[in-house]
Structures are given as C-alpha cells and as structure tokens.
C-alpha cells in the first residue's frame, strides 16, 4: 500500500509542468514493464491478456496504452471489449436481479471468440448499445496466431471466464491503489478517488448529475466487492493507475462544474460520507487540463483524450 500526503502534492505543484511530466513518465514505465511481461508470455505461447479493474479504474485507457506500446514494437494486437458481450435484458436469466453479475455476460460466446481469434480464425463479433440496452451492429475480426489478444472488462478475471482460459491467458489488474493523507490526517482511499473520477466522466459523457453518480456508486461498489476485487489475485500483473497530480486536476474540473454546489449539498455530502473528498478538492491546488497528455489515463475522466471510449 502506497500513501502520499497533501504537503508532497502542494510542494510539487510549484512546478506544475515538471510534476505532470514526472508522473506520466512513471506511468509510461509501468506500461513498458507490463508490455515486456506480455511479450515474454507470448513467446511462451500465452497470447491472451485478461485486463480488469473496477469502475473508474482507468482500465480502458491502460489497455489502449499497452496496445499502442506493443504495436510500436511490431507486435500485432487484437483488442476485445467484454462490454460488447453483455446480454440484452430480454436474454438474461429471468431470476437474475443483480445487473453487476457476470451472468449478464454471454460468457460462452466470449470464450469461443477469444479461442477462435487466437487460432487465426475470422470471427463475427457483437457490439452492445448501452443507450438501448440491446445489440448493436456485428463486425468481423480477423484472428491471428501471432497476435496478442487484449480482452478488457470488469469480469475478465472472474473464474467463470478466466478459469476457462487457464494456461492461455495472463491476468492484469489495473486500479488506483495509492492513498492520499490530508492535513487533518484523513485518508482518502482509492474507492473514494474513483468516485471523483466517475462523477466527472458520467457528468460529461453520460448525462448524469453528480448526485446520480454518487448514488449509483453505492450499488456498483457492492458488485465490485462481490465480483471483481476477490479475483484480483488471479492477476500476475498489477498496475496502480493513480497519478500523484490527480487530486489537483480532479479539483479543477469538479469545482468548475456549475452544478457542483447544487448537487453536492452539505447534507448530501454527509449522508454519503464524502466530507474528506470534498474538503480535499476544495483546498488542494488546481491544475489546468493543458498540462495533461492526450493519452493520459486521467483524460478518460476529465475529457480531451486521443482515444474513443
């Protein structure tokens, strides 16, 4: 477990550009190290990468960064999103009320697609439209016996999926793991930081109010505790997606939202135990987006990313 304090952040914010660049270089090193391990596994015949992390972990950008790094080395890569294998509500078990469950995924089709792609076959792949909660267009993916296949999604390390790929897949768990210690000696845990990330992402990209994201987070967190976190031990590679300058840019964007004070009233903050997070974003130095690279994990939440999500 890694802990940094706000004095460290404040001191480094005296040179914002250098601080951001240093943090981004450290994350690039994590991508480089991870890619080297993937290549080693590929050379031994393990070519499927199962990458997971809880909501707000930055796993999608992390997967894309790994893909880009491998492609730059000349390693062919196929990217698969588990989200496209979600079942429409009408096709889910009728007694299934927990929509965080891996049983909401068409597991058999996902496993079959991964295996056939790894064997070099051409596979018809589904897409899923979350606005209609139904299937989207079908597309064709050409497999390869040489490619690394990166499958990204919240349930990729769940035994219902991962055990069926045993021996053919390497697991990666990506999530913020660093804690922030405030001047009042309060600890801001990664789960709380992910709520801040998701508030921005959902407000800007999914049309949700800050209040709606916080309320939804409680339901999502229960699913994470049940279906995601227990299986992170299946990962042989762990990536901390926290960036030390992160509280500063989250503060900049959250505090600039017109609905910040309207949505996050004192009563609401206290009810949902957000006092320490809100005090942090209200008091930490703010950082403008122009310093953040276009491929940064944080762009997944504050906007302006080079990637499409």
Foldseek 3Di string as FASTA:
>chain_A
DAEDELVVLQVVCVPVLVQQVVLVVVQLVLLVVVLVVQVVLVVVQQQEEEEAEAQLFLRVLSLVSNCVVCVVVVAAEAEAEQQQQFAQPVPQPPPDPQPLDPSRGPQVVVQVVVVCLLVFAKDWGWGADPVVSHTDDIDIDTHDVRHRYYYYDHQCLFCSRVVSCPPRYAYEYGGAAYWYQYPVRDIDGRLLVSLLLVQQLCVVPVVDHSLVSLVVSVSSVVSCVVRHVVRNVSHPHYHNLDGSNVLQASLVQLVPDPCNCVNCPPVNCVVSVNVVSVVSSVPRHHDDPVSHDQSRSSCSRNPNHPDDD
